[in-house]
């Protein structure tokens, strides 16, 4: 049975996951606001918050602008990190020792789970089981967010996995850049979720996706859209003509997000 038994460096810096918070507040507003039945006290759970709980606390602040009473639970494997985080605990914010088997108390429910920058040390074949274990704690309709960012949070790629009656749906992949490194689709390859990283190679669907995006980006530049934000926006429009499920919502493109929701879900 897979468990969270690999220590992480845990040096997540302030603001590393801010772009993900912004996306969730905008795109998952209904999820964050649900309050009927078991959703009334359903928590946001941050798995593997690291040496300091900065990103947990930043997310709590962002999400509570929508839902002031939102319970937040930070989970960490190392007891010393959990003990240190208790200085930031309050009536709505808790820190507990645990791993992929979430340390929930009786009667607690979960609407949103975040597990970022955790699985890079695991084997790709372990990832589905970890997803299922984490997703099993979600209320139906809840969301699991799992993926990777670079150290400052300038580049992000993450799975969006939704709890549905049949189990856990691989609903979408989310890409984000803040353009501080310019823009080209290749920037995302090293930050793909663990189960995709070694599959970006000829013959694999994810390689086809990147090839199509790169071609779309090159066309955009040839058409005169050379500034990174404009090259990004026009590459996404061109990609949408090649690939099913590309979301061309103006807010997403304006803020550097590409959301890919292919029919039937995202599969390696």
Protein backbone atom coordinates (compact mmCIF):
# COMPACT_ATOMS: atom_id res chain seq x y z
CA UNK A 1 0.00 0.00 0.00
CA UNK A 2 1.42 3.37 -0.98
CA UNK A 3 1.88 5.83 1.85
CA UNK A 4 3.36 9.27 2.22
CA UNK A 5 6.64 7.86 3.51
CA UNK A 6 9.18 9.87 1.57
CA UNK A 7 10.40 12.99 3.29
CA UNK A 8 10.28 16.15 1.21
CA UNK A 9 12.60 19.14 1.43
CA UNK A 10 9.55 21.17 2.36
CA UNK A 11 11.01 24.54 1.45
CA UNK A 12 7.94 25.97 -0.19
CA UNK A 13 8.26 29.74 -0.36
CA UNK A 14 5.68 32.45 0.11
CA UNK A 15 3.48 32.85 -2.96
CA UNK A 16 4.56 29.63 -4.72
CA UNK A 17 0.95 28.48 -5.15
CA UNK A 18 -0.70 31.90 -5.46
CA UNK A 19 -1.60 31.36 -9.13
CA UNK A 20 -3.39 28.15 -8.21
CA UNK A 21 -5.31 29.96 -5.45
CA UNK A 22 -6.37 32.64 -7.95
CA UNK A 23 -7.57 29.98 -10.41
CA UNK A 24 -9.55 28.09 -7.77
CA UNK A 25 -11.22 31.22 -6.40
CA UNK A 26 -12.32 32.20 -9.90
CA UNK A 27 -13.12 28.84 -11.50
CA UNK A 28 -14.22 26.81 -8.46
CA UNK A 29 -16.27 29.47 -6.72
CA UNK A 30 -19.31 27.20 -6.41
CA UNK A 31 -17.21 24.42 -4.89
CA UNK A 32 -15.73 26.77 -2.31
CA UNK A 33 -19.15 28.22 -1.44
CA UNK A 34 -21.26 25.05 -1.17
CA UNK A 35 -22.92 24.85 2.23
CA UNK A 36 -25.79 22.37 2.01
CA UNK A 37 -25.76 19.24 4.16
CA UNK A 38 -22.25 17.82 4.68
CA UNK A 39 -20.78 20.72 2.70
CA UNK A 40 -21.55 23.10 5.58
CA UNK A 41 -18.31 22.10 7.34
CA UNK A 42 -16.43 20.57 4.41
CA UNK A 43 -12.74 21.48 4.57
CA UNK A 44 -9.91 22.41 2.28
CA UNK A 45 -7.02 20.00 2.95
CA UNK A 46 -3.43 20.87 2.03
CA UNK A 47 -1.28 17.73 1.95
CA UNK A 48 2.44 18.12 2.53
CA UNK A 49 2.57 21.79 3.56
CA UNK A 50 6.31 21.65 4.19
CA UNK A 51 8.76 23.11 6.67
CA UNK A 52 6.53 26.17 7.13
CA UNK A 53 2.78 26.33 6.43
CA UNK A 54 2.97 29.50 4.35
CA UNK A 55 1.05 28.21 1.34
CA UNK A 56 -1.65 26.65 3.53
CA UNK A 57 -2.18 29.95 5.29
CA UNK A 58 -2.12 31.96 2.04
CA UNK A 59 -4.75 29.67 0.54
CA UNK A 60 -6.87 29.89 3.67
CA UNK A 61 -6.81 33.68 3.39
CA UNK A 62 -7.70 33.61 -0.33
CA UNK A 63 -10.51 31.08 -0.01
CA UNK A 64 -12.00 32.75 3.07
CA UNK A 65 -12.57 35.92 1.10
CA UNK A 66 -15.36 33.85 -0.49
CA UNK A 67 -16.19 31.57 2.43
CA UNK A 68 -15.19 33.15 5.77
CA UNK A 69 -16.06 30.03 7.76
CA UNK A 70 -14.08 27.56 5.61
CA UNK A 71 -12.28 24.91 7.69
CA UNK A 72 -8.67 24.36 6.62
CA UNK A 73 -6.48 21.37 7.46
CA UNK A 74 -2.73 21.20 6.81
CA UNK A 75 -1.26 17.69 6.74
CA UNK A 76 2.43 16.80 7.06
CA UNK A 77 4.37 13.57 7.59
CA UNK A 78 7.00 15.02 9.92
CA UNK A 79 5.83 15.64 13.47
CA UNK A 80 8.28 18.51 14.00
CA UNK A 81 6.72 20.45 11.12
CA UNK A 82 3.23 19.82 12.48
CA UNK A 83 4.30 20.94 15.94
CA UNK A 84 5.85 24.15 14.59
CA UNK A 85 2.73 24.90 12.54
CA UNK A 86 0.52 24.82 15.63
CA UNK A 87 1.56 28.44 16.27
CA UNK A 88 -0.67 29.33 13.31
CA UNK A 89 -3.67 27.17 14.29
CA UNK A 90 -7.00 28.65 15.27
CA UNK A 91 -10.64 27.60 15.49
CA UNK A 92 -10.85 27.06 11.72
CA UNK A 93 -7.24 26.19 10.88
CA UNK A 94 -5.71 22.89 12.00
CA UNK A 95 -2.45 21.04 11.42
CA UNK A 96 -2.13 17.27 11.81
CA UNK A 97 0.44 14.59 11.18
CA UNK A 98 -0.44 12.24 8.35
CA UNK A 99 -0.05 11.33 4.71
CA UNK A 100 -2.18 10.13 1.82
CA UNK A 101 -4.50 8.44 4.32
CA UNK A 102 -5.83 11.76 5.55
CA UNK A 103 -6.01 12.21 9.34
CA UNK A 104 -9.68 13.18 9.43
CA UNK A 105 -11.76 13.08 12.59
CA UNK A 106 -15.19 11.53 12.83
CA UNK A 107 -17.82 13.61 11.07
CA UNK A 108 -15.35 15.69 9.06
CA UNK A 109 -15.82 16.08 5.30
CA UNK A 110 -13.62 17.43 2.51
CA UNK A 111 -14.42 19.59 -0.54
CA UNK A 112 -10.93 20.31 -1.89
CA UNK A 113 -7.57 18.55 -1.55
CA UNK A 114 -4.29 20.01 -2.75
CA UNK A 115 -1.18 17.83 -3.10
CA UNK A 116 1.39 19.94 -4.92
CA UNK A 117 5.08 19.14 -5.45
CA UNK A 118 4.76 15.84 -3.58
CA UNK A 119 4.88 13.00 -6.10
CA UNK A 120 8.05 13.74 -8.03
CA UNK A 121 9.90 11.08 -6.01
CA UNK A 122 7.32 8.37 -6.61
CA UNK A 123 7.15 5.89 -9.49
CA UNK A 124 4.61 6.82 -12.19
CA UNK A 125 2.74 3.56 -11.64
CA UNK A 126 2.17 4.54 -8.00
CA UNK A 127 0.36 7.75 -8.91
CA UNK A 128 -3.12 6.34 -9.73
CA UNK A 129 -3.29 4.58 -6.37
CA UNK A 130 -2.28 7.77 -4.56
CA UNK A 131 -4.93 9.71 -6.46
CA UNK A 132 -7.58 7.16 -5.52
CA UNK A 133 -6.57 7.15 -1.86
CA UNK A 134 -6.70 10.95 -1.62
CA UNK A 135 -9.84 11.25 -3.74
CA UNK A 136 -11.67 8.77 -1.56
CA UNK A 137 -11.89 11.44 1.16
CA UNK A 138 -13.77 13.90 -1.08
CA UNK A 139 -17.47 14.56 -1.10
CA UNK A 140 -19.07 13.83 -4.47
CA UNK A 141 -18.30 16.87 -6.62
CA UNK A 142 -15.14 17.65 -4.66
CA UNK A 143 -11.79 18.29 -6.31
CA UNK A 144 -8.27 16.89 -5.99
CA UNK A 145 -5.48 19.13 -7.32
CA UNK A 146 -2.13 17.37 -7.84
CA UNK A 147 0.87 18.56 -9.81
CA UNK A 148 4.10 20.55 -9.78
CA UNK A 149 5.46 24.08 -9.92
CA UNK A 150 8.91 25.55 -10.25
CA UNK A 151 10.37 27.05 -7.09
CA UNK A 152 8.97 30.61 -7.41
CA UNK A 153 5.63 29.42 -8.80
CA UNK A 154 6.18 30.96 -12.24
CA UNK A 155 5.36 27.69 -14.05
CA UNK A 156 2.61 25.30 -12.97
CA UNK A 157 1.01 22.14 -14.34
CA UNK A 158 -1.58 20.23 -12.36
CA UNK A 159 -4.21 17.55 -12.58
CA UNK A 160 -7.79 18.48 -11.71
CA UNK A 161 -9.51 15.28 -10.56
CA UNK A 162 -13.20 15.37 -9.68
CA UNK A 163 -15.02 12.98 -7.35
CA UNK A 164 -17.96 11.53 -9.28
CA UNK A 165 -20.36 8.68 -8.46
CA UNK A 166 -18.12 6.18 -10.27
CA UNK A 167 -14.96 7.27 -8.45
CA UNK A 168 -12.38 9.86 -9.47
CA UNK A 169 -12.57 11.52 -12.89
CA UNK A 170 -9.39 12.83 -14.53
CA UNK A 171 -11.24 15.98 -15.51
CA UNK A 172 -8.55 18.34 -16.77
CA UNK A 173 -4.96 19.49 -16.93
CA UNK A 174 -4.22 23.08 -15.95
CA UNK A 175 -1.14 24.95 -17.22
CA UNK A 176 -0.09 28.37 -15.95
CA UNK A 177 2.75 30.80 -16.58
CA UNK A 178 3.32 34.30 -15.26
CA UNK A 179 5.51 35.05 -18.34
CA UNK A 180 8.55 35.92 -16.20
CA UNK A 181 10.43 33.28 -18.20
CA UNK A 182 8.96 34.36 -21.50
CA UNK A 183 6.74 31.80 -23.14
CA UNK A 184 7.09 28.60 -25.14
CA UNK A 185 5.16 25.35 -24.58
CA UNK A 186 8.43 23.54 -23.80
CA UNK A 187 8.63 25.48 -20.51
CA UNK A 188 5.96 23.19 -19.07
CA UNK A 189 7.54 19.84 -19.88
CA UNK A 190 9.75 19.57 -16.79
CA UNK A 191 6.83 20.47 -14.51
CA UNK A 192 4.30 17.93 -15.76
CA UNK A 193 2.60 15.80 -13.09
CA UNK A 194 4.60 12.70 -12.21
CA UNK A 195 2.56 10.24 -14.27
CA UNK A 196 3.18 12.29 -17.43
CA UNK A 197 6.82 13.35 -17.18
CA UNK A 198 8.39 10.30 -18.85
CA UNK A 199 5.57 10.00 -21.37
CA UNK A 200 6.42 13.18 -23.24
CA UNK A 201 8.04 11.18 -26.03
CA UNK A 202 7.16 10.11 -29.59
CA UNK A 203 4.09 7.92 -29.86
CA UNK A 204 2.49 9.15 -26.64
CA UNK A 205 -0.69 11.28 -26.65
CA UNK A 206 0.84 13.91 -24.37
CA UNK A 207 3.73 14.31 -26.82
CA UNK A 208 1.18 14.87 -29.60
CA UNK A 209 -0.44 17.55 -27.44
CA UNK A 210 2.88 19.34 -26.98
CA UNK A 211 3.75 19.01 -30.66
CA UNK A 212 0.41 20.56 -31.61
CA UNK A 213 0.87 23.37 -29.09
CA UNK A 214 4.40 24.08 -30.29
CA UNK A 215 3.21 24.26 -33.89
CA UNK A 216 0.40 26.61 -32.84
CA UNK A 217 2.90 28.79 -30.94
CA UNK A 218 5.23 28.97 -33.93
CA UNK A 219 2.31 29.99 -36.17
CA UNK A 220 1.32 32.70 -33.69
CA UNK A 221 4.86 34.12 -33.70
CA UNK A 222 5.04 34.00 -37.48
CA UNK A 223 1.79 35.99 -37.54
CA UNK A 224 3.49 38.73 -35.51
CA UNK A 225 2.41 37.79 -31.97
CA UNK A 226 5.88 37.73 -30.47
CA UNK A 227 5.29 39.21 -27.01
CA UNK A 228 4.89 36.30 -24.54
CA UNK A 229 1.30 37.03 -23.40
CA UNK A 230 0.09 37.51 -26.99
CA UNK A 231 2.02 34.50 -28.25
CA UNK A 232 0.41 32.45 -25.48
CA UNK A 233 -3.12 33.68 -26.18
CA UNK A 234 -2.94 33.16 -29.94
CA UNK A 235 -1.24 29.79 -29.56
CA UNK A 236 -4.16 28.61 -27.41
CA UNK A 237 -6.71 29.75 -30.01
CA UNK A 238 -4.80 27.89 -32.72
CA UNK A 239 -4.39 24.83 -30.50
CA UNK A 240 -8.15 24.73 -29.94
CA UNK A 241 -8.62 24.13 -33.68
CA UNK A 242 -6.37 21.06 -33.44
CA UNK A 243 -7.18 19.57 -30.04
CA UNK A 244 -10.56 18.89 -28.43
CA UNK A 245 -11.27 20.28 -25.00
CA UNK A 246 -9.14 23.43 -25.04
CA UNK A 247 -10.99 26.09 -23.02
CA UNK A 248 -10.63 29.54 -24.61
CA UNK A 249 -12.27 31.56 -21.83
CA UNK A 250 -10.99 35.14 -21.93
CA UNK A 251 -10.25 35.36 -18.19
CA UNK A 252 -8.10 32.24 -18.31
CA UNK A 253 -6.08 33.45 -21.28
CA UNK A 254 -5.69 36.96 -19.86
CA UNK A 255 -4.15 35.48 -16.71
CA UNK A 256 -1.85 32.93 -18.34
CA UNK A 257 -3.90 29.76 -17.86
CA UNK A 258 -4.54 26.99 -20.35
CA UNK A 259 -7.27 24.56 -19.27
CA UNK A 260 -7.50 21.29 -21.20
CA UNK A 261 -10.68 19.27 -20.58
CA UNK A 262 -10.69 16.56 -23.27
CA UNK A 263 -13.86 14.51 -23.78
CA UNK A 264 -13.56 11.42 -21.61
CA UNK A 265 -10.87 12.94 -19.41
CA UNK A 266 -7.08 13.27 -19.45
CA UNK A 267 -5.13 10.03 -19.64
CA UNK A 268 -1.37 9.34 -19.81
